[in-house]
Amino acid sequence: MADTSVKKVDSAYSPKGEMGQKYLASGTTVSMRLWEDEQPGEVKPEAQREYETVGYVIKGRAELHIAGQTLLLEPGNSWSVPKGASHTYKILEAFTAVEATSPPAQVHGRDE
């Protein structure tokens, strides 16, 4: 019998979250999401999330404000945000990045 937990996700049909993120593949302990062509603007509201995040910049630039630091994120950079850490982002130029969250961000209202 085949393992039905193995899935392929076509991002063209992925659900979108309220913040503009596209939810990609998701397992029981980790999930992926895509921030695609996020436009420059004001600093995002400060947030603390009940999941750990790691991300990778595909294109564009953004600032991550966390723990008294400002990190400039550019193509090829990766970052991490610990579970419960207060942080915010500012998009500086059209930004595309992929993130992994553990546990999955979209489950049990963690992304609200």
N, C-alpha and C. Protein backbone atom coordinates (compact mmCIF):
# COMPACT_ATOMS: atom_id res chain seq x y z
N MET A 1 0.85 -1.19 0.00
CA MET A 1 0.00 0.00 0.00
C MET A 1 0.89 1.25 0.00
N ALA A 2 0.53 2.24 -0.77
CA ALA A 2 1.29 3.47 -0.88
C ALA A 2 1.08 4.35 0.35
N ASP A 3 2.12 5.13 0.68
CA ASP A 3 2.06 6.08 1.79
C ASP A 3 1.29 7.32 1.32
N THR A 4 0.11 7.56 1.87
CA THR A 4 -0.72 8.68 1.43
C THR A 4 -0.33 10.00 2.10
N SER A 5 0.66 9.99 3.00
CA SER A 5 1.08 11.24 3.63
C SER A 5 2.04 12.02 2.74
N VAL A 6 2.54 11.40 1.67
CA VAL A 6 3.43 12.09 0.74
C VAL A 6 2.58 12.90 -0.23
N LYS A 7 2.86 14.21 -0.30
CA LYS A 7 2.03 15.09 -1.12
C LYS A 7 2.89 15.99 -2.00
N LYS A 8 2.35 16.34 -3.14
CA LYS A 8 2.93 17.34 -4.03
C LYS A 8 1.99 18.54 -4.00
N VAL A 9 2.56 19.74 -3.89
CA VAL A 9 1.74 20.94 -3.84
C VAL A 9 2.13 21.85 -5.00
N ASP A 10 1.15 22.26 -5.80
CA ASP A 10 1.35 23.21 -6.87
C ASP A 10 0.98 24.58 -6.32
N SER A 11 1.97 25.48 -6.20
CA SER A 11 1.72 26.77 -5.55
C SER A 11 0.69 27.63 -6.28
N ALA A 12 0.42 27.32 -7.55
CA ALA A 12 -0.61 28.07 -8.27
C ALA A 12 -1.98 27.88 -7.64
N TYR A 13 -2.16 26.79 -6.90
CA TYR A 13 -3.45 26.48 -6.27
C TYR A 13 -3.39 26.51 -4.74
N SER A 14 -2.28 27.01 -4.19
CA SER A 14 -2.12 27.03 -2.74
C SER A 14 -3.04 28.06 -2.10
N PRO A 15 -3.55 27.74 -0.92
CA PRO A 15 -4.37 28.73 -0.21
C PRO A 15 -3.51 29.90 0.26
N LYS A 16 -4.13 31.08 0.34
CA LYS A 16 -3.44 32.28 0.81
C LYS A 16 -3.92 32.63 2.21
N GLY A 17 -2.98 33.09 3.03
CA GLY A 17 -3.32 33.56 4.36
C GLY A 17 -3.69 35.03 4.34
N GLU A 18 -4.19 35.53 5.45
CA GLU A 18 -4.64 36.92 5.56
C GLU A 18 -3.52 37.92 5.40
N MET A 19 -2.27 37.53 5.65
CA MET A 19 -1.14 38.45 5.52
C MET A 19 -0.52 38.40 4.12
N GLY A 20 -1.08 37.58 3.22
CA GLY A 20 -0.58 37.49 1.85
C GLY A 20 0.30 36.29 1.58
N GLN A 21 0.58 35.50 2.59
CA GLN A 21 1.44 34.32 2.41
C GLN A 21 0.70 33.20 1.70
N LYS A 22 1.45 32.42 0.90
CA LYS A 22 0.89 31.23 0.26
C LYS A 22 1.36 30.03 1.06
N TYR A 23 0.44 29.18 1.45
CA TYR A 23 0.80 27.98 2.19
C TYR A 23 1.19 26.88 1.20
N LEU A 24 2.36 26.33 1.39
CA LEU A 24 2.89 25.29 0.51
C LEU A 24 2.76 23.94 1.21
N ALA A 25 3.74 23.08 1.04
CA ALA A 25 3.69 21.74 1.64
C ALA A 25 3.69 21.83 3.17
N SER A 26 2.97 20.89 3.78
CA SER A 26 2.88 20.86 5.23
C SER A 26 2.92 19.42 5.72
N GLY A 27 3.74 19.19 6.72
CA GLY A 27 3.78 17.90 7.39
C GLY A 27 3.17 18.04 8.77
N THR A 28 3.42 17.09 9.64
CA THR A 28 2.86 17.16 10.99
C THR A 28 3.67 18.07 11.90
N THR A 29 4.97 18.27 11.62
CA THR A 29 5.80 19.09 12.51
C THR A 29 6.43 20.30 11.83
N VAL A 30 6.32 20.41 10.51
CA VAL A 30 6.91 21.55 9.80
C VAL A 30 6.06 21.86 8.56
N SER A 31 6.03 23.15 8.20
CA SER A 31 5.33 23.54 6.97
C SER A 31 6.13 24.63 6.27
N MET A 32 5.78 24.84 5.00
CA MET A 32 6.43 25.88 4.20
C MET A 32 5.39 26.88 3.73
N ARG A 33 5.85 28.12 3.57
CA ARG A 33 5.00 29.15 2.99
C ARG A 33 5.85 30.06 2.14
N LEU A 34 5.20 30.74 1.20
CA LEU A 34 5.86 31.61 0.25
C LEU A 34 5.33 33.02 0.39
N TRP A 35 6.25 33.97 0.52
CA TRP A 35 5.91 35.39 0.47
C TRP A 35 6.37 35.83 -0.91
N GLU A 36 5.43 36.18 -1.77
CA GLU A 36 5.74 36.42 -3.18
C GLU A 36 5.45 37.86 -3.57
N ASP A 37 6.51 38.56 -4.00
CA ASP A 37 6.40 39.92 -4.50
C ASP A 37 5.75 40.86 -3.48
N GLU A 38 6.16 40.73 -2.21
CA GLU A 38 5.69 41.65 -1.17
C GLU A 38 6.25 43.03 -1.48
N GLN A 39 5.42 44.05 -1.44
CA GLN A 39 5.80 45.40 -1.83
C GLN A 39 6.30 46.23 -0.65
N PRO A 40 7.20 47.20 -0.93
CA PRO A 40 7.70 48.08 0.14
C PRO A 40 6.55 48.84 0.79
N GLY A 41 6.78 49.19 2.04
CA GLY A 41 5.76 49.93 2.78
C GLY A 41 6.22 50.19 4.20
N GLU A 42 5.27 50.47 5.04
CA GLU A 42 5.54 50.73 6.44
C GLU A 42 6.01 49.45 7.14
N VAL A 43 6.63 49.61 8.29
CA VAL A 43 7.04 48.46 9.11
C VAL A 43 5.79 47.67 9.47
N LYS A 44 5.88 46.35 9.35
CA LYS A 44 4.76 45.47 9.71
C LYS A 44 4.54 45.55 11.22
N PRO A 45 3.33 45.30 11.70
CA PRO A 45 3.10 45.30 13.15
C PRO A 45 3.99 44.26 13.85
N GLU A 46 4.45 44.62 15.03
CA GLU A 46 5.29 43.69 15.81
C GLU A 46 4.47 42.46 16.15
N ALA A 47 5.13 41.30 16.13
CA ALA A 47 4.42 40.04 16.37
C ALA A 47 5.28 39.09 17.20
N GLN A 48 4.61 38.20 17.89
CA GLN A 48 5.22 37.06 18.58
C GLN A 48 4.42 35.86 18.15
N ARG A 49 5.07 34.84 17.65
CA ARG A 49 4.37 33.68 17.12
C ARG A 49 4.69 32.42 17.93
N GLU A 50 3.75 31.50 17.91
CA GLU A 50 3.90 30.24 18.63
C GLU A 50 4.55 29.16 17.76
N TYR A 51 5.47 29.58 16.91
CA TYR A 51 6.23 28.66 16.09
C TYR A 51 7.59 29.28 15.79
N GLU A 52 8.54 28.43 15.48
CA GLU A 52 9.87 28.86 15.04
C GLU A 52 9.83 29.03 13.52
N THR A 53 10.54 30.04 13.03
CA THR A 53 10.58 30.30 11.59
C THR A 53 12.02 30.34 11.10
N VAL A 54 12.26 29.72 9.96
CA VAL A 54 13.51 29.91 9.23
C VAL A 54 13.12 30.30 7.82
N GLY A 55 13.89 31.19 7.19
CA GLY A 55 13.53 31.66 5.86
C GLY A 55 14.73 31.84 4.97
N TYR A 56 14.45 32.01 3.68
CA TYR A 56 15.48 32.20 2.66
C TYR A 56 14.96 33.22 1.65
N VAL A 57 15.78 34.25 1.38
CA VAL A 57 15.40 35.31 0.44
C VAL A 57 15.71 34.88 -0.99
N ILE A 58 14.69 34.94 -1.85
CA ILE A 58 14.84 34.64 -3.26
C ILE A 58 15.16 35.92 -4.04
N LYS A 59 14.40 36.99 -3.76
CA LYS A 59 14.69 38.28 -4.41
C LYS A 59 14.19 39.41 -3.53
N GLY A 60 14.74 40.60 -3.77
CA GLY A 60 14.34 41.79 -3.03
C GLY A 60 15.16 41.99 -1.77
N ARG A 61 14.72 42.98 -0.98
CA ARG A 61 15.40 43.29 0.28
C ARG A 61 14.37 43.64 1.34
N ALA A 62 14.70 43.27 2.58
CA ALA A 62 13.85 43.60 3.72
C ALA A 62 14.72 43.74 4.95
N GLU A 63 14.18 44.39 5.96
CA GLU A 63 14.83 44.46 7.26
C GLU A 63 14.04 43.60 8.23
N LEU A 64 14.73 42.82 9.03
CA LEU A 64 14.14 42.07 10.13
C LEU A 64 14.59 42.75 11.41
N HIS A 65 13.63 43.20 12.21
CA HIS A 65 13.93 43.84 13.49
C HIS A 65 13.60 42.84 14.58
N ILE A 66 14.63 42.42 15.32
CA ILE A 66 14.45 41.39 16.35
C ILE A 66 15.53 41.53 17.42
N ALA A 67 15.14 41.42 18.66
CA ALA A 67 16.06 41.42 19.80
C ALA A 67 17.04 42.59 19.77
N GLY A 68 16.52 43.79 19.46
CA GLY A 68 17.37 44.97 19.43
C GLY A 68 18.30 45.05 18.24
N GLN A 69 18.14 44.16 17.29
CA GLN A 69 18.99 44.14 16.09
C GLN A 69 18.15 44.46 14.86
N THR A 70 18.81 44.99 13.83
CA THR A 70 18.20 45.15 12.52
C THR A 70 19.06 44.36 11.54
N LEU A 71 18.47 43.34 10.94
CA LEU A 71 19.18 42.50 9.98
C LEU A 71 18.69 42.82 8.58
N LEU A 72 19.61 43.14 7.68
CA LEU A 72 19.27 43.38 6.29
C LEU A 72 19.23 42.04 5.59
N LEU A 73 18.08 41.71 5.00
CA LEU A 73 17.90 40.45 4.29
C LEU A 73 17.91 40.70 2.80
N GLU A 74 18.82 40.03 2.09
CA GLU A 74 19.00 40.18 0.65
C GLU A 74 19.03 38.80 0.01
N PRO A 75 18.92 38.73 -1.33
CA PRO A 75 18.94 37.42 -2.00
C PRO A 75 20.12 36.56 -1.57
N GLY A 76 19.81 35.31 -1.25
CA GLY A 76 20.82 34.38 -0.79
C GLY A 76 20.98 34.33 0.72
N ASN A 77 20.38 35.29 1.44
CA ASN A 77 20.44 35.29 2.90
C ASN A 77 19.36 34.38 3.47
N SER A 78 19.65 33.81 4.61
CA SER A 78 18.64 33.07 5.36
C SER A 78 18.60 33.63 6.77
N TRP A 79 17.51 33.36 7.49
CA TRP A 79 17.34 33.90 8.84
C TRP A 79 16.52 32.94 9.68
N SER A 80 16.52 33.20 10.98
CA SER A 80 15.67 32.43 11.89
C SER A 80 15.04 33.38 12.90
N VAL A 81 13.82 33.04 13.30
CA VAL A 81 13.11 33.75 14.35
C VAL A 81 12.65 32.69 15.35
N PRO A 82 13.18 32.72 16.58
CA PRO A 82 12.78 31.74 17.58
C PRO A 82 11.30 31.85 17.95
N LYS A 83 10.72 30.76 18.35
CA LYS A 83 9.34 30.73 18.84
C LYS A 83 9.20 31.76 19.97
N GLY A 84 8.16 32.60 19.88
CA GLY A 84 7.88 33.57 20.93
C GLY A 84 8.68 34.86 20.87
N ALA A 85 9.63 34.99 19.93
CA ALA A 85 10.46 36.20 19.85
C ALA A 85 9.65 37.35 19.24
N SER A 86 9.71 38.50 19.86
CA SER A 86 9.05 39.69 19.34
C SER A 86 9.87 40.22 18.17
N HIS A 87 9.21 40.44 17.03
CA HIS A 87 9.92 40.85 15.82
C HIS A 87 8.99 41.58 14.86
N THR A 88 9.59 42.25 13.88
CA THR A 88 8.85 42.91 12.82
C THR A 88 9.71 42.97 11.57
N TYR A 89 9.07 43.21 10.42
CA TYR A 89 9.76 43.31 9.14
C TYR A 89 9.42 44.63 8.47
N LYS A 90 10.35 45.11 7.65
CA LYS A 90 10.07 46.24 6.76
C LYS A 90 10.58 45.83 5.38
N ILE A 91 9.69 45.82 4.40
CA ILE A 91 10.05 45.47 3.04
C ILE A 91 10.67 46.71 2.39
N LEU A 92 11.88 46.58 1.85
CA LEU A 92 12.58 47.70 1.24
C LEU A 92 12.44 47.72 -0.28
N GLU A 93 12.41 46.53 -0.90
CA GLU A 93 12.13 46.42 -2.34
C GLU A 93 11.43 45.10 -2.56
N ALA A 94 10.61 45.04 -3.62
CA ALA A 94 9.76 43.86 -3.88
C ALA A 94 10.46 42.59 -3.44
N PHE A 95 9.84 41.85 -2.54
CA PHE A 95 10.48 40.80 -1.76
C PHE A 95 9.79 39.46 -1.96
N THR A 96 10.58 38.45 -2.27
CA THR A 96 10.08 37.08 -2.37
C THR A 96 10.97 36.20 -1.50
N ALA A 97 10.35 35.42 -0.63
CA ALA A 97 11.09 34.54 0.27
C ALA A 97 10.25 33.32 0.58
N VAL A 98 10.92 32.25 0.93
CA VAL A 98 10.24 31.04 1.39
C VAL A 98 10.61 30.85 2.86
N GLU A 99 9.63 30.42 3.64
CA GLU A 99 9.85 30.17 5.07
C GLU A 99 9.38 28.77 5.43
N ALA A 100 10.02 28.22 6.44
CA ALA A 100 9.54 26.99 7.06
C ALA A 100 9.20 27.32 8.50
N THR A 101 8.08 26.78 8.99
CA THR A 101 7.67 27.02 10.36
C THR A 101 7.46 25.69 11.08
N SER A 102 7.83 25.68 12.34
CA SER A 102 7.66 24.47 13.15
C SER A 102 7.20 24.89 14.54
N PRO A 103 6.04 24.40 14.96
CA PRO A 103 5.08 23.59 14.23
C PRO A 103 4.44 24.41 13.11
N PRO A 104 3.67 23.78 12.23
CA PRO A 104 3.06 24.47 11.09
C PRO A 104 2.29 25.73 11.50
N ALA A 105 2.60 26.85 10.85
CA ALA A 105 2.00 28.15 11.19
C ALA A 105 0.49 28.18 11.01
N GLN A 106 -0.01 27.51 9.99
CA GLN A 106 -1.43 27.65 9.64
C GLN A 106 -2.36 26.79 10.48
N VAL A 107 -1.83 25.96 11.35
CA VAL A 107 -2.65 25.06 12.15
C VAL A 107 -3.04 25.72 13.49
N HIS A 108 -4.24 25.49 13.93
CA HIS A 108 -4.75 25.96 15.23
C HIS A 108 -4.69 27.48 15.39
N GLY A 109 -4.81 28.24 14.30
CA GLY A 109 -4.83 29.69 14.39
C GLY A 109 -3.52 30.34 14.77
N ARG A 110 -2.40 29.65 14.63
CA ARG A 110 -1.10 30.21 15.02
C ARG A 110 -0.70 31.41 14.19
N ASP A 111 -1.22 31.55 12.98
CA ASP A 111 -0.84 32.64 12.09
C ASP A 111 -1.75 33.86 12.24
N GLU A 112 -2.67 33.84 13.17
CA GLU A 112 -3.61 34.96 13.32
C GLU A 112 -3.06 36.00 14.27
